[in-house]
């Protein structure tokens, strides 16, 4: 697929992408560890899509999604990072691009082509789909047959699709997409989520038969690079 030049990310400054700005840092190495663990967790199956979510807000899930997408793209793969948080989107802020003609437009306008909504980034193999306009009915759009059709089309062009989703306990969006994706990565900010919240979040994901790949413990140390840690179920 040829992506239009006017959809290329123009600004090369991406302060939230540690794996780009500090590729030899401990954090970048942790993201490579996360990638390896995810790959081993699905060794007998093809992993085409991952939902990244958390129990509550301000967990750092969007930062993890972006850095993980870059990390997978570094393996000579074509990766699509989708801002499927149709309530409080942030991917466009991370990459400093306009949030127009994104996922919402694809879902509501059948004449809109996926190749006209996707951005190419400065990172080889990494592509972006912003959320687009915030709709009044995000859950209904994500659960639609149109969404399933769009996901299948994404699979034709990309080796992996990473969906940045809202928190599980806030709305049903993450559950809906977890039922459609191959796996779910759960972000846990240290000291900010109770055991009860984590248990409830897992129950909600299990209820929709989500394949929980594991979790990332985030915000462990803010004073240095060592603040991401991965563990599986």
Protein backbone atom coordinates (compact mmCIF):
# COMPACT_ATOMS: atom_id res chain seq x y z
CA UNK A 1 0.00 0.00 0.00
CA UNK A 2 1.24 3.50 -0.85
CA UNK A 3 0.60 6.09 1.84
CA UNK A 4 0.21 9.67 0.72
CA UNK A 5 3.14 12.01 1.32
CA UNK A 6 0.92 14.59 2.95
CA UNK A 7 0.25 12.07 5.68
CA UNK A 8 3.86 11.83 6.75
CA UNK A 9 4.80 12.96 10.26
CA UNK A 10 6.68 16.21 9.70
CA UNK A 11 8.08 16.88 13.17
CA UNK A 12 10.98 14.68 14.22
CA UNK A 13 10.79 15.70 17.90
CA UNK A 14 9.11 12.99 19.96
CA UNK A 15 10.03 13.53 23.62
CA UNK A 16 7.90 10.64 24.89
CA UNK A 17 9.68 8.03 22.77
CA UNK A 18 12.50 6.85 24.99
CA UNK A 19 13.44 4.01 22.64
CA UNK A 20 14.11 6.59 19.92
CA UNK A 21 15.79 9.27 22.01
CA UNK A 22 17.78 6.92 24.27
CA UNK A 23 18.08 3.58 22.45
CA UNK A 24 20.83 2.30 24.77
CA UNK A 25 19.05 3.21 28.02
CA UNK A 26 17.73 0.74 30.59
CA UNK A 27 14.16 1.71 29.64
CA UNK A 28 14.77 0.92 25.98
CA UNK A 29 16.21 -2.45 26.96
CA UNK A 30 13.12 -3.14 29.08
CA UNK A 31 10.89 -2.47 26.07
CA UNK A 32 12.93 -4.97 24.07
CA UNK A 33 12.41 -7.43 26.93
CA UNK A 34 8.66 -6.79 26.81
CA UNK A 35 8.69 -7.43 23.06
CA UNK A 36 10.58 -10.70 23.54
CA UNK A 37 8.22 -11.90 26.27
CA UNK A 38 5.19 -11.09 24.14
CA UNK A 39 6.68 -13.04 21.23
CA UNK A 40 7.41 -16.05 23.46
CA UNK A 41 3.89 -15.94 24.91
CA UNK A 42 2.45 -16.56 21.44
CA UNK A 43 5.15 -18.83 20.04
CA UNK A 44 2.66 -21.29 18.49
CA UNK A 45 0.25 -18.67 17.16
CA UNK A 46 0.45 -15.55 15.01
CA UNK A 47 0.11 -12.36 17.02
CA UNK A 48 -1.39 -9.70 14.77
CA UNK A 49 -2.97 -7.30 17.26
CA UNK A 50 -2.45 -6.10 20.83
CA UNK A 51 -4.72 -4.00 23.01
CA UNK A 52 -2.90 -1.86 25.57
CA UNK A 53 -5.03 -0.79 28.53
CA UNK A 54 -5.02 -0.22 32.29
CA UNK A 55 -7.37 -0.17 35.25
CA UNK A 56 -7.56 3.60 35.58
CA UNK A 57 -6.31 6.84 34.00
CA UNK A 58 -2.79 8.31 34.04
CA UNK A 59 -1.12 4.90 33.99
CA UNK A 60 1.28 5.73 31.17
CA UNK A 61 -0.37 3.25 28.79
CA UNK A 62 -0.14 5.58 25.80
CA UNK A 63 3.58 6.09 26.33
CA UNK A 64 4.04 2.33 26.62
CA UNK A 65 1.97 1.76 23.47
CA UNK A 66 4.08 4.19 21.45
CA UNK A 67 7.43 2.89 22.65
CA UNK A 68 6.35 -0.71 22.18
CA UNK A 69 5.24 0.06 18.63
CA UNK A 70 8.66 1.55 17.84
CA UNK A 71 10.36 -1.48 19.40
CA UNK A 72 8.41 -3.94 17.24
CA UNK A 73 9.03 -1.80 14.15
CA UNK A 74 12.79 -2.06 14.74
CA UNK A 75 12.57 -5.74 13.75
CA UNK A 76 11.91 -4.81 10.12
CA UNK A 77 8.18 -5.19 10.61
CA UNK A 78 5.35 -2.91 9.54
CA UNK A 79 3.58 -1.78 12.70
CA UNK A 80 0.41 0.29 12.95
CA UNK A 81 -0.24 2.19 16.18
CA UNK A 82 -3.95 2.99 16.44
CA UNK A 83 -5.37 5.54 18.86
CA UNK A 84 -8.59 3.72 19.68
CA UNK A 85 -9.19 5.88 22.73
CA UNK A 86 -12.07 7.79 21.18
CA UNK A 87 -12.68 9.68 24.43
CA UNK A 88 -9.29 11.13 25.43
CA UNK A 89 -6.91 10.50 22.51
CA UNK A 90 -3.19 11.20 22.94
CA UNK A 91 -1.26 9.55 20.08
CA UNK A 92 -1.44 12.73 17.99
CA UNK A 93 0.13 14.64 20.89
CA UNK A 94 2.96 12.13 21.27
CA UNK A 95 3.88 12.46 17.60
CA UNK A 96 2.85 16.11 17.25
CA UNK A 97 0.45 15.58 14.33
CA UNK A 98 -3.05 16.76 13.51
CA UNK A 99 -5.89 14.62 14.81
CA UNK A 100 -8.10 14.64 11.73
CA UNK A 101 -9.51 11.98 9.41
CA UNK A 102 -8.63 9.22 11.85
CA UNK A 103 -10.37 6.10 13.14
CA UNK A 104 -13.70 7.85 13.69
CA UNK A 105 -13.78 8.95 10.04
CA UNK A 106 -13.03 5.39 8.91
CA UNK A 107 -15.84 4.05 11.07
CA UNK A 108 -18.48 6.58 10.05
CA UNK A 109 -17.63 7.20 6.40
CA UNK A 110 -17.41 4.11 4.21
CA UNK A 111 -15.99 6.21 1.38
CA UNK A 112 -12.87 7.01 3.44
CA UNK A 113 -9.92 4.79 2.56
CA UNK A 114 -7.52 3.51 5.18
CA UNK A 115 -4.53 4.54 3.07
CA UNK A 116 -5.68 8.16 3.22
CA UNK A 117 -5.87 8.27 7.01
CA UNK A 118 -2.58 6.67 8.05
CA UNK A 119 0.59 8.61 8.82
CA UNK A 120 4.10 7.42 8.05
CA UNK A 121 6.59 8.25 10.79
CA UNK A 122 10.32 8.91 10.76
CA UNK A 123 10.80 5.46 12.30
CA UNK A 124 11.08 2.91 9.51
CA UNK A 125 8.13 0.54 9.56
CA UNK A 126 6.03 2.54 12.04
CA UNK A 127 2.67 3.96 10.96
CA UNK A 128 -0.01 5.84 12.90
CA UNK A 129 -3.78 6.10 12.83
CA UNK A 130 -5.10 8.88 15.07
CA UNK A 131 -8.51 8.76 16.72
CA UNK A 132 -10.05 11.52 14.69
CA UNK A 133 -13.03 13.50 15.99
CA UNK A 134 -14.41 12.44 19.37
CA UNK A 135 -17.79 10.76 18.67
CA UNK A 136 -20.84 10.63 20.96
CA UNK A 137 -20.95 6.82 20.81
CA UNK A 138 -17.40 5.33 21.00
CA UNK A 139 -18.45 1.91 22.33
CA UNK A 140 -21.04 1.43 19.59
CA UNK A 141 -18.53 2.34 16.89
CA UNK A 142 -15.86 -0.01 18.24
CA UNK A 143 -18.30 -2.92 18.53
CA UNK A 144 -19.63 -2.47 15.01
CA UNK A 145 -19.15 -4.80 12.06
CA UNK A 146 -17.42 -1.90 10.35
CA UNK A 147 -14.70 -1.97 13.02
CA UNK A 148 -14.16 -5.68 12.48
CA UNK A 149 -13.88 -5.08 8.75
CA UNK A 150 -11.33 -2.30 9.29
CA UNK A 151 -9.23 -4.51 11.56
CA UNK A 152 -9.17 -7.26 8.94
CA UNK A 153 -8.07 -4.71 6.34
CA UNK A 154 -5.28 -3.54 8.66
CA UNK A 155 -4.04 -7.12 8.88
CA UNK A 156 -3.53 -7.16 5.12
CA UNK A 157 -0.99 -4.36 5.23
CA UNK A 158 0.66 -4.58 8.65
CA UNK A 159 2.51 -7.26 10.57
CA UNK A 160 1.07 -6.02 13.85
CA UNK A 161 -1.57 -3.53 15.00
CA UNK A 162 -1.31 -2.00 18.48
CA UNK A 163 -4.48 -0.41 19.88
CA UNK A 164 -4.14 2.24 22.58
CA UNK A 165 -7.38 1.94 24.59
CA UNK A 166 -9.13 3.72 27.49
CA UNK A 167 -8.94 2.20 31.01
CA UNK A 168 -10.94 -0.97 31.61
CA UNK A 169 -12.80 0.24 34.69
CA UNK A 170 -13.84 3.56 33.14
CA UNK A 171 -15.72 2.41 30.03
CA UNK A 172 -16.43 -0.77 28.04
CA UNK A 173 -14.24 0.19 25.06
CA UNK A 174 -11.21 -1.84 26.14
CA UNK A 175 -13.35 -4.94 26.72
CA UNK A 176 -14.89 -4.60 23.27
CA UNK A 177 -11.52 -4.36 21.55
CA UNK A 178 -9.95 -7.02 23.77
CA UNK A 179 -12.52 -9.48 22.40
CA UNK A 180 -11.41 -8.62 18.85
CA UNK A 181 -7.62 -8.52 19.37
CA UNK A 182 -5.14 -11.40 19.67
CA UNK A 183 -3.79 -10.25 23.01
CA UNK A 184 -4.01 -7.69 25.81
CA UNK A 185 -1.17 -5.94 27.63
CA UNK A 186 -2.15 -4.47 30.99
CA UNK A 187 -0.34 -1.41 32.40
CA UNK A 188 -0.04 -1.08 36.18
CA UNK A 189 1.33 2.18 37.64
CA UNK A 190 3.05 1.28 40.91
CA UNK A 191 1.24 2.49 44.00
CA UNK A 192 -1.67 3.99 42.07
CA UNK A 193 -3.94 0.98 41.62
CA UNK A 194 -5.45 -1.18 44.34
CA UNK A 195 -5.43 -4.96 44.31
CA UNK A 196 -9.21 -4.90 44.06
CA UNK A 197 -9.06 -2.69 40.96
CA UNK A 198 -6.59 -5.01 39.28
CA UNK A 199 -8.68 -8.09 40.11
CA UNK A 200 -11.84 -6.41 38.81
CA UNK A 201 -10.07 -5.33 35.63
CA UNK A 202 -8.86 -8.86 34.98
CA UNK A 203 -12.35 -10.25 35.60
CA UNK A 204 -13.82 -7.86 33.04
CA UNK A 205 -11.24 -8.91 30.45
CA UNK A 206 -11.69 -12.61 31.20
CA UNK A 207 -15.45 -12.17 30.81
CA UNK A 208 -14.94 -11.28 27.14
CA UNK A 209 -12.45 -14.13 26.71
CA UNK A 210 -9.52 -11.76 26.25
CA UNK A 211 -6.08 -13.28 25.87
CA UNK A 212 -4.12 -11.47 28.61
CA UNK A 213 -0.48 -11.60 27.58
CA UNK A 214 0.86 -10.04 30.77
CA UNK A 215 1.42 -6.71 32.47
CA UNK A 216 3.88 -3.85 32.62
CA UNK A 217 4.63 -2.40 36.05
CA UNK A 218 5.11 1.28 35.37
CA UNK A 219 6.36 4.31 37.32
CA UNK A 220 8.61 2.27 39.59
CA UNK A 221 11.47 4.75 39.64
CA UNK A 222 11.04 8.27 38.32
CA UNK A 223 14.55 9.32 39.31
CA UNK A 224 16.33 7.17 36.72
CA UNK A 225 15.81 4.99 33.67
CA UNK A 226 14.75 1.86 35.51
CA UNK A 227 11.00 2.28 35.65
CA UNK A 228 9.52 -0.37 33.42
CA UNK A 229 9.28 -4.02 34.31
CA UNK A 230 7.46 -6.79 32.56
CA UNK A 231 5.90 -9.88 34.02
CA UNK A 232 3.59 -12.47 32.54
CA UNK A 233 0.57 -14.15 34.03
